[in-house]
PDB file of N, CA and C in Angstrom:
ATOM      1  N   MET A   1      74.343 -52.562  10.250  1.00  0.00           N
ATOM      2  CA  MET A   1      73.306 -51.357   9.662  1.00  0.00           C
ATOM      3  C   MET A   1      72.684 -52.404   8.414  1.00  0.00           C
ATOM      4  N   ALA A   2      71.123 -52.018   8.021  1.00  0.00           N
ATOM      5  CA  ALA A   2      70.775 -52.264   7.085  1.00  0.00           C
ATOM      6  C   ALA A   2      71.180 -51.861   5.970  1.00  0.00           C
ATOM      7  N   SER A   3      71.429 -52.369   4.846  1.00  0.00           N
ATOM      8  CA  SER A   3      71.228 -51.162   3.622  1.00  0.00           C
ATOM      9  C   SER A   3      70.145 -52.292   2.288  1.00  0.00           C
ATOM     10  N   ILE A   4      69.654 -50.444   1.289  1.00  0.00           N
ATOM     11  CA  ILE A   4      68.296 -51.486   0.835  1.00  0.00           C
ATOM     12  C   ILE A   4      69.569 -50.538  -0.643  1.00  0.00           C
ATOM     13  N   VAL A   5      68.786 -50.948  -1.553  1.00  0.00           N
ATOM     14  CA  VAL A   5      68.809 -50.584  -3.242  1.00  0.00           C
ATOM     15  C   VAL A   5      67.857 -49.572  -4.090  1.00  0.00           C
ATOM     16  N   MET A   6      68.262 -49.031  -4.124  1.00  0.00           N
ATOM     17  CA  MET A   6      67.432 -48.364  -5.278  1.00  0.00           C
ATOM     18  C   MET A   6      67.037 -48.955  -6.949  1.00  0.00           C
ATOM     19  N   SER A   7      65.611 -49.355  -7.380  1.00  0.00           N
ATOM     20  CA  SER A   7      64.819 -49.354  -7.606  1.00  0.00           C
ATOM     21  C   SER A   7      64.987 -48.829  -9.171  1.00  0.00           C
ATOM     22  N   SER A   8      65.844 -48.509 -10.524  1.00  0.00           N
ATOM     23  CA  SER A   8      65.557 -48.764 -11.794  1.00  0.00           C
ATOM     24  C   SER A   8      64.022 -47.582 -11.540  1.00  0.00           C
ATOM     25  N   LYS A   9      62.872 -47.518 -10.822  1.00  0.00           N
ATOM     26  CA  LYS A   9      61.538 -46.788 -10.897  1.00  0.00           C
ATOM     27  C   LYS A   9      62.232 -46.089  -9.417  1.00  0.00           C
ATOM     28  N   TYR A  10      63.091 -46.201  -8.854  1.00  0.00           N
ATOM     29  CA  TYR A  10      63.462 -45.189  -8.008  1.00  0.00           C
ATOM     30  C   TYR A  10      62.870 -46.103  -6.250  1.00  0.00           C
ATOM     31  N   GLN A  11      62.138 -47.074  -6.654  1.00  0.00           N
ATOM     32  CA  GLN A  11      61.560 -47.639  -5.155  1.00  0.00           C
ATOM     33  C   GLN A  11      62.823 -48.253  -4.379  1.00  0.00           C
ATOM     34  N   VAL A  12      62.558 -48.450  -3.231  1.00  0.00           N
ATOM     35  CA  VAL A  12      63.506 -49.099  -1.777  1.00  0.00           C
ATOM     36  C   VAL A  12      62.643 -50.342  -1.699  1.00  0.00           C
ATOM     37  N   VAL A  13      62.693 -51.027  -0.695  1.00  0.00           N
ATOM     38  CA  VAL A  13      62.356 -52.135   0.147  1.00  0.00           C
ATOM     39  C   VAL A  13      62.982 -51.394   1.128  1.00  0.00           C
ATOM     40  N   ILE A  14      62.129 -51.086   2.812  1.00  0.00           N
ATOM     41  CA  ILE A  14      62.759 -51.271   3.746  1.00  0.00           C
ATOM     42  C   ILE A  14      63.068 -52.810   4.610  1.00  0.00           C
ATOM     43  N   PRO A  15      64.422 -53.222   4.783  1.00  0.00           N
ATOM     44  CA  PRO A  15      64.510 -54.069   5.319  1.00  0.00           C
ATOM     45  C   PRO A  15      63.918 -54.789   6.598  1.00  0.00           C
ATOM     46  N   LYS A  16      63.029 -55.992   6.428  1.00  0.00           N
ATOM     47  CA  LYS A  16      62.491 -56.450   7.466  1.00  0.00           C
ATOM     48  C   LYS A  16      62.755 -56.046   8.492  1.00  0.00           C
ATOM     49  N   GLU A  17      64.450 -56.002   8.901  1.00  0.00           N
ATOM     50  CA  GLU A  17      64.899 -56.181  10.575  1.00  0.00           C
ATOM     51  C   GLU A  17      64.287 -54.735  11.621  1.00  0.00           C
ATOM     52  N   ILE A  18      64.521 -53.256   9.916  1.00  0.00           N
ATOM     53  CA  ILE A  18      63.767 -51.904   9.925  1.00  0.00           C
ATOM     54  C   ILE A  18      62.353 -52.096  10.941  1.00  0.00           C
ATOM     55  N   ARG A  19      61.913 -52.558   9.304  1.00  0.00           N
ATOM     56  CA  ARG A  19      60.127 -52.538   9.859  1.00  0.00           C
ATOM     57  C   ARG A  19      59.567 -53.437  11.209  1.00  0.00           C
ATOM     58  N   GLU A  20      60.184 -54.521  11.825  1.00  0.00           N
ATOM     59  CA  GLU A  20      60.485 -54.878  12.785  1.00  0.00           C
ATOM     60  C   GLU A  20      59.985 -54.332  13.780  1.00  0.00           C
ATOM     61  N   GLN A  21      61.429 -53.472  13.480  1.00  0.00           N
ATOM     62  CA  GLN A  21      62.802 -52.650  14.854  1.00  0.00           C
ATOM     63  C   GLN A  21      61.340 -50.963  15.253  1.00  0.00           C
ATOM     64  N   TYR A  22      60.774 -51.083  14.398  1.00  0.00           N
ATOM     65  CA  TYR A  22      60.191 -49.156  13.472  1.00  0.00           C
ATOM     66  C   TYR A  22      58.653 -50.035  13.574  1.00  0.00           C
ATOM     67  N   GLY A  23      57.846 -50.675  13.296  1.00  0.00           N
ATOM     68  CA  GLY A  23      55.922 -51.041  13.750  1.00  0.00           C
ATOM     69  C   GLY A  23      56.201 -50.704  12.576  1.00  0.00           C
ATOM     70  N   PHE A  24      56.968 -50.103  11.236  1.00  0.00           N
ATOM     71  CA  PHE A  24      55.880 -49.625  10.214  1.00  0.00           C
ATOM     72  C   PHE A  24      54.910 -50.406   9.805  1.00  0.00           C
ATOM     73  N   LYS A  25      54.309 -50.921   8.784  1.00  0.00           N
ATOM     74  CA  LYS A  25      53.072 -51.776   8.151  1.00  0.00           C
ATOM     75  C   LYS A  25      52.534 -51.522   7.612  1.00  0.00           C
ATOM     76  N   PRO A  26      52.800 -52.189   6.371  1.00  0.00           N
ATOM     77  CA  PRO A  26      51.586 -51.578   4.507  1.00  0.00           C
ATOM     78  C   PRO A  26      50.410 -50.556   4.666  1.00  0.00           C
ATOM     79  N   GLY A  27      50.711 -49.483   3.981  1.00  0.00           N
ATOM     80  CA  GLY A  27      49.079 -48.978   4.339  1.00  0.00           C
ATOM     81  C   GLY A  27      50.194 -47.286   5.183  1.00  0.00           C
ATOM     82  N   ASP A  28      51.150 -47.520   5.995  1.00  0.00           N
ATOM     83  CA  ASP A  28      51.401 -46.268   6.747  1.00  0.00           C
ATOM     84  C   ASP A  28      52.077 -45.459   5.519  1.00  0.00           C
ATOM     85  N   GLU A  29      52.280 -43.891   5.656  1.00  0.00           N
ATOM     86  CA  GLU A  29      52.237 -43.015   5.122  1.00  0.00           C
ATOM     87  C   GLU A  29      53.731 -42.742   6.116  1.00  0.00           C
ATOM     88  N   LEU A  30      54.890 -42.801   5.188  1.00  0.00           N
ATOM     89  CA  LEU A  30      55.735 -42.264   5.224  1.00  0.00           C
ATOM     90  C   LEU A  30      56.818 -41.237   5.347  1.00  0.00           C
ATOM     91  N   VAL A  31      56.945 -40.130   5.297  1.00  0.00           N
ATOM     92  CA  VAL A  31      57.911 -39.159   4.782  1.00  0.00           C
ATOM     93  C   VAL A  31      59.420 -38.636   5.065  1.00  0.00           C
ATOM     94  N   TRP A  32      59.809 -39.015   4.321  1.00  0.00           N
ATOM     95  CA  TRP A  32      62.105 -38.884   4.351  1.00  0.00           C
ATOM     96  C   TRP A  32      61.995 -36.785   4.696  1.00  0.00           C
ATOM     97  N   LEU A  33      63.005 -36.771   5.691  1.00  0.00           N
ATOM     98  CA  LEU A  33      63.432 -35.521   5.886  1.00  0.00           C
ATOM     99  C   LEU A  33      64.578 -35.223   5.978  1.00  0.00           C
ATOM    100  N   ASP A  34      64.958 -34.181   6.033  1.00  0.00           N
ATOM    101  CA  ASP A  34      65.959 -33.439   5.376  1.00  0.00           C
ATOM    102  C   ASP A  34      66.880 -32.740   6.517  1.00  0.00           C
ATOM    103  N   SER A  35      67.881 -33.960   8.229  1.00  0.00           N
ATOM    104  CA  SER A  35      68.243 -33.279   8.893  1.00  0.00           C
ATOM    105  C   SER A  35      68.899 -32.504   8.871  1.00  0.00           C
ATOM    106  N   GLY A  36      69.934 -32.396   7.770  1.00  0.00           N
ATOM    107  CA  GLY A  36      70.550 -31.501   7.341  1.00  0.00           C
ATOM    108  C   GLY A  36      72.006 -31.758   7.521  1.00  0.00           C
ATOM    109  N   ARG A  37      71.517 -33.522   8.491  1.00  0.00           N
ATOM    110  CA  ARG A  37      73.257 -34.372   8.369  1.00  0.00           C
ATOM    111  C   ARG A  37      72.976 -34.747   7.055  1.00  0.00           C
ATOM    112  N   GLY A  38      71.592 -35.895   6.806  1.00  0.00           N
ATOM    113  CA  GLY A  38      71.681 -36.906   5.657  1.00  0.00           C
ATOM    114  C   GLY A  38      69.501 -36.858   6.434  1.00  0.00           C
ATOM    115  N   LEU A  39      69.675 -38.254   5.352  1.00  0.00           N
ATOM    116  CA  LEU A  39      67.848 -37.685   5.296  1.00  0.00           C
ATOM    117  C   LEU A  39      66.451 -39.023   6.147  1.00  0.00           C
ATOM    118  N   ARG A  40      66.419 -38.743   6.758  1.00  0.00           N
ATOM    119  CA  ARG A  40      65.341 -38.881   8.131  1.00  0.00           C
ATOM    120  C   ARG A  40      63.963 -39.883   7.774  1.00  0.00           C
ATOM    121  N   LEU A  41      63.086 -41.576   8.003  1.00  0.00           N
ATOM    122  CA  LEU A  41      62.350 -41.474   7.235  1.00  0.00           C
ATOM    123  C   LEU A  41      61.602 -42.188   7.910  1.00  0.00           C
ATOM    124  N   VAL A  42      60.083 -41.490   8.324  1.00  0.00           N
ATOM    125  CA  VAL A  42      59.048 -40.812  10.198  1.00  0.00           C
ATOM    126  C   VAL A  42      58.372 -41.030   9.590  1.00  0.00           C
ATOM    127  N   ARG A  43      57.944 -42.426  10.081  1.00  0.00           N
ATOM    128  CA  ARG A  43      56.257 -42.626   9.980  1.00  0.00           C
ATOM    129  C   ARG A  43      55.316 -41.181  10.878  1.00  0.00           C
ATOM    130  N   VAL A  44      54.575 -40.832   9.950  1.00  0.00           N
ATOM    131  CA  VAL A  44      53.772 -40.251  10.253  1.00  0.00           C
ATOM    132  C   VAL A  44      52.321 -40.356  11.369  1.00  0.00           C
ATOM    133  N   LYS A  45      52.611 -40.400  12.573  1.00  0.00           N
ATOM    134  CA  LYS A  45      51.146 -40.820  13.572  1.00  0.00           C
ATOM    135  C   LYS A  45      49.855 -40.560  12.456  1.00  0.00           C
ATOM    136  N   THR A  46      49.166 -40.929  12.929  1.00  0.00           N
ATOM    137  CA  THR A  46      47.661 -40.682  12.471  1.00  0.00           C
ATOM    138  C   THR A  46      47.108 -40.038  13.300  1.00  0.00           C
ATOM    139  N   ALA A  47      45.947 -39.344  13.030  1.00  0.00           N
ATOM    140  CA  ALA A  47      44.921 -38.435  13.828  1.00  0.00           C
ATOM    141  C   ALA A  47      44.680 -39.470  15.416  1.00  0.00           C
ATOM    142  N   GLU A  48      44.299 -41.011  15.275  1.00  0.00           N
ATOM    143  CA  GLU A  48      44.436 -41.528  16.460  1.00  0.00           C
ATOM    144  C   GLU A  48      45.177 -41.542  17.523  1.00  0.00           C
ATOM    145  N   GLU A  49      46.560 -41.744  16.854  1.00  0.00           N
ATOM    146  CA  GLU A  49      48.016 -41.711  17.472  1.00  0.00           C
ATOM    147  C   GLU A  49      47.916 -39.673  18.322  1.00  0.00           C
ATOM    148  N   LEU A  50      47.175 -39.464  17.972  1.00  0.00           N
ATOM    149  CA  LEU A  50      47.967 -37.961  18.294  1.00  0.00           C
ATOM    150  C   LEU A  50      47.108 -37.155  19.224  1.00  0.00           C
ATOM    151  N   ASP A  51      45.860 -38.284  19.369  1.00  0.00           N
ATOM    152  CA  ASP A  51      44.731 -37.856  20.222  1.00  0.00           C
ATOM    153  C   ASP A  51      45.076 -37.742  21.293  1.00  0.00           C
ATOM    154  N   GLY A  52      45.247 -36.635  22.084  1.00  0.00           N
ATOM    155  CA  GLY A  52      45.507 -36.576  24.078  1.00  0.00           C
ATOM    156  C   GLY A  52      46.603 -36.509  23.840  1.00  0.00           C
ATOM    157  N   SER A  53      48.090 -36.371  22.402  1.00  0.00           N
ATOM    158  CA  SER A  53      49.290 -36.164  22.627  1.00  0.00           C
ATOM    159  C   SER A  53      49.646 -34.457  23.010  1.00  0.00           C
ATOM    160  N   LEU A  54      48.960 -33.596  23.908  1.00  0.00           N
ATOM    161  CA  LEU A  54      48.594 -31.976  24.007  1.00  0.00           C
ATOM    162  C   LEU A  54      48.260 -32.344  25.853  1.00  0.00           C
ATOM    163  N   ALA A  55      47.826 -33.536  25.489  1.00  0.00           N
ATOM    164  CA  ALA A  55      46.798 -33.936  27.132  1.00  0.00           C
ATOM    165  C   ALA A  55      47.957 -32.377  28.289  1.00  0.00           C
ATOM    166  N   HIS A  56      48.545 -33.546  28.447  1.00  0.00           N
ATOM    167  CA  HIS A  56      50.283 -32.838  29.273  1.00  0.00           C
ATOM    168  C   HIS A  56      50.254 -31.619  29.440  1.00  0.00           C
ATOM    169  N   LEU A  57      49.848 -30.289  28.506  1.00  0.00           N
ATOM    170  CA  LEU A  57      50.269 -29.734  28.223  1.00  0.00           C
ATOM    171  C   LEU A  57      49.463 -28.721  29.648  1.00  0.00           C
ATOM    172  N   ASP A  58      49.808 -27.860  29.904  1.00  0.00           N
ATOM    173  CA  ASP A  58      48.704 -26.785  31.191  1.00  0.00           C
ATOM    174  C   ASP A  58      48.068 -26.084  30.548  1.00  0.00           C
ATOM    175  N   LEU A  59      47.362 -25.906  29.339  1.00  0.00           N
ATOM    176  CA  LEU A  59      46.873 -24.883  28.943  1.00  0.00           C
ATOM    177  C   LEU A  59      45.696 -24.109  29.303  1.00  0.00           C
ATOM    178  N   PRO A  60      45.234 -23.042  29.330  1.00  0.00           N
ATOM    179  CA  PRO A  60      44.260 -21.909  29.996  1.00  0.00           C
ATOM    180  C   PRO A  60      43.532 -22.409  29.067  1.00  0.00           C
ATOM    181  N   PRO A  61      42.046 -22.748  29.397  1.00  0.00           N
ATOM    182  CA  PRO A  61      40.593 -22.589  28.945  1.00  0.00           C
ATOM    183  C   PRO A  61      40.486 -21.621  27.202  1.00  0.00           C
ATOM    184  N   PHE A  62      40.033 -22.530  26.031  1.00  0.00           N
ATOM    185  CA  PHE A  62      40.283 -21.505  24.976  1.00  0.00           C
ATOM    186  C   PHE A  62      38.865 -20.337  26.136  1.00  0.00           C
ATOM    187  N   GLU A  63      38.435 -19.510  24.844  1.00  0.00           N
ATOM    188  CA  GLU A  63      37.445 -18.646  25.348  1.00  0.00           C
ATOM    189  C   GLU A  63      37.486 -17.470  24.646  1.00  0.00           C
ATOM    190  N   ARG A  64      36.146 -17.758  23.868  1.00  0.00           N
ATOM    191  CA  ARG A  64      35.596 -16.761  22.012  1.00  0.00           C
ATOM    192  C   ARG A  64      35.408 -15.554  23.595  1.00  0.00           C
ATOM    193  N   GLU A  65      35.988 -14.269  22.830  1.00  0.00           N
ATOM    194  CA  GLU A  65      36.416 -12.768  22.886  1.00  0.00           C
ATOM    195  C   GLU A  65      34.607 -12.492  22.394  1.00  0.00           C
ATOM    196  N   LYS A  66      33.814 -12.093  23.090  1.00  0.00           N
ATOM    197  CA  LYS A  66      31.809 -11.447  23.924  1.00  0.00           C
ATOM    198  C   LYS A  66      31.943 -11.452  22.351  1.00  0.00           C
ATOM    199  N   ASP A  67      32.679  -9.520  22.928  1.00  0.00           N
ATOM    200  CA  ASP A  67      32.241  -8.579  22.671  1.00  0.00           C
ATOM    201  C   ASP A  67      33.344  -8.414  21.428  1.00  0.00           C
ATOM    202  N   TYR A  68      33.169  -8.706  20.386  1.00  0.00           N
ATOM    203  CA  TYR A  68      34.857  -8.729  19.071  1.00  0.00           C
ATOM    204  C   TYR A  68      33.797  -7.574  17.918  1.00  0.00           C
ATOM    205  N   ASP A  69      34.204  -7.002  18.030  1.00  0.00           N
ATOM    206  CA  ASP A  69      33.619  -6.257  17.222  1.00  0.00           C
ATOM    207  C   ASP A  69      35.071  -6.685  15.774  1.00  0.00           C
ATOM    208  N   PHE A  70      33.498  -6.909  14.649  1.00  0.00           N
ATOM    209  CA  PHE A  70      34.128  -7.658  13.504  1.00  0.00           C
ATOM    210  C   PHE A  70      34.526  -6.570  12.549  1.00  0.00           C
ATOM    211  N   GLY A  71      34.109  -5.379  12.654  1.00  0.00           N
ATOM    212  CA  GLY A  71      34.456  -3.756  11.972  1.00  0.00           C
ATOM    213  C   GLY A  71      33.213  -4.232  10.645  1.00  0.00           C
ATOM    214  N   GLU A  72      32.657  -2.916   9.439  1.00  0.00           N
ATOM    215  CA  GLU A  72      32.100  -2.422   9.062  1.00  0.00           C
ATOM    216  C   GLU A  72      32.165  -3.523   7.764  1.00  0.00           C
ATOM    217  N   ARG A  73      32.053  -4.110   7.029  1.00  0.00           N
ATOM    218  CA  ARG A  73      32.355  -4.399   5.493  1.00  0.00           C
ATOM    219  C   ARG A  73      31.386  -4.000   4.462  1.00  0.00           C
ATOM    220  N   SER A  74      32.661  -3.343   3.360  1.00  0.00           N
ATOM    221  CA  SER A  74      32.482  -2.827   2.343  1.00  0.00           C
ATOM    222  C   SER A  74      31.106  -3.807   1.469  1.00  0.00           C
TER     223      SER A  74
END
Protein backbone atom coordinates (compact mmCIF):
# COMPACT_ATOMS: atom_id res chain seq x y z
CA MET A 1 0.00 0.00 0.00
CA ALA A 2 1.39 3.35 -1.05
CA SER A 3 1.09 6.26 1.34
CA ILE A 4 1.25 9.99 0.77
CA VAL A 5 2.04 13.03 2.90
CA MET A 6 0.06 16.24 2.63
CA SER A 7 2.18 19.39 2.33
CA SER A 8 1.65 22.59 4.28
CA LYS A 9 -0.19 23.87 1.18
CA TYR A 10 -2.56 20.85 1.31
CA GLN A 11 -0.99 19.32 -1.79
CA VAL A 12 -0.30 15.63 -2.31
CA VAL A 13 1.85 13.70 -4.77
CA ILE A 14 0.41 10.52 -6.24
CA PRO A 15 3.05 7.81 -5.89
CA LYS A 16 4.63 6.56 -9.13
CA GLU A 17 3.32 3.00 -8.78
CA ILE A 18 -0.26 4.31 -8.41
CA ARG A 19 0.13 6.70 -11.39
CA GLU A 20 1.42 3.86 -13.54
CA GLN A 21 -1.17 1.33 -12.36
CA TYR A 22 -4.11 3.64 -13.11
CA GLY A 23 -2.61 5.48 -16.08
CA PHE A 24 -2.68 8.96 -14.52
CA LYS A 25 -0.95 11.51 -16.75
CA PRO A 26 -0.04 15.20 -16.29
CA GLY A 27 -3.09 17.33 -17.05
CA ASP A 28 -5.62 14.61 -16.08
CA GLU A 29 -8.60 15.92 -14.13
CA LEU A 30 -9.08 13.97 -10.89
CA VAL A 31 -11.94 14.17 -8.41
CA TRP A 32 -12.27 13.00 -4.83
CA LEU A 33 -15.47 11.04 -4.19
CA ASP A 34 -16.84 10.27 -0.72
CA SER A 35 -17.80 6.61 -0.88
CA GLY A 36 -19.29 6.62 2.61
CA ARG A 37 -16.40 4.45 3.76
CA GLY A 38 -13.61 6.78 2.74
CA LEU A 39 -12.37 8.90 -0.14
CA ARG A 40 -11.83 7.63 -3.67
CA LEU A 41 -9.64 9.38 -6.22
CA VAL A 42 -11.15 9.05 -9.70
CA ARG A 43 -9.90 10.27 -13.07
CA VAL A 44 -12.56 12.17 -15.03
CA LYS A 45 -12.97 10.65 -18.48
CA THR A 46 -12.59 12.90 -21.50
CA ALA A 47 -15.32 13.35 -24.11
CA GLU A 48 -13.25 11.23 -26.50
CA GLU A 49 -13.13 8.38 -23.96
CA LEU A 50 -16.89 8.61 -23.45
CA ASP A 51 -17.65 8.69 -27.18
CA GLY A 52 -19.62 5.58 -28.06
CA SER A 53 -19.84 4.41 -24.45
CA LEU A 54 -23.65 4.15 -24.71
CA ALA A 55 -23.59 2.43 -28.10
CA HIS A 56 -24.20 -0.98 -26.52
CA LEU A 57 -27.58 0.17 -25.16
CA ASP A 58 -30.56 -0.73 -27.32
CA LEU A 59 -32.32 2.64 -27.22
CA PRO A 60 -35.14 3.61 -29.55
CA PRO A 61 -34.23 6.37 -32.02
CA PHE A 62 -35.03 9.90 -30.91
CA GLU A 63 -38.02 11.37 -32.68
CA ARG A 64 -39.07 14.98 -32.33
CA GLU A 65 -42.77 15.44 -31.78
CA LYS A 66 -43.93 17.20 -34.93
CA ASP A 67 -47.09 18.96 -33.79
CA TYR A 68 -46.22 19.93 -30.26
CA ASP A 69 -48.29 22.88 -28.99
CA PHE A 70 -46.07 25.27 -27.05
CA GLY A 71 -49.08 27.29 -25.91
CA GLU A 72 -49.75 30.98 -26.04
CA ARG A 73 -47.09 33.41 -24.92
CA SER A 74 -48.09 36.45 -22.91
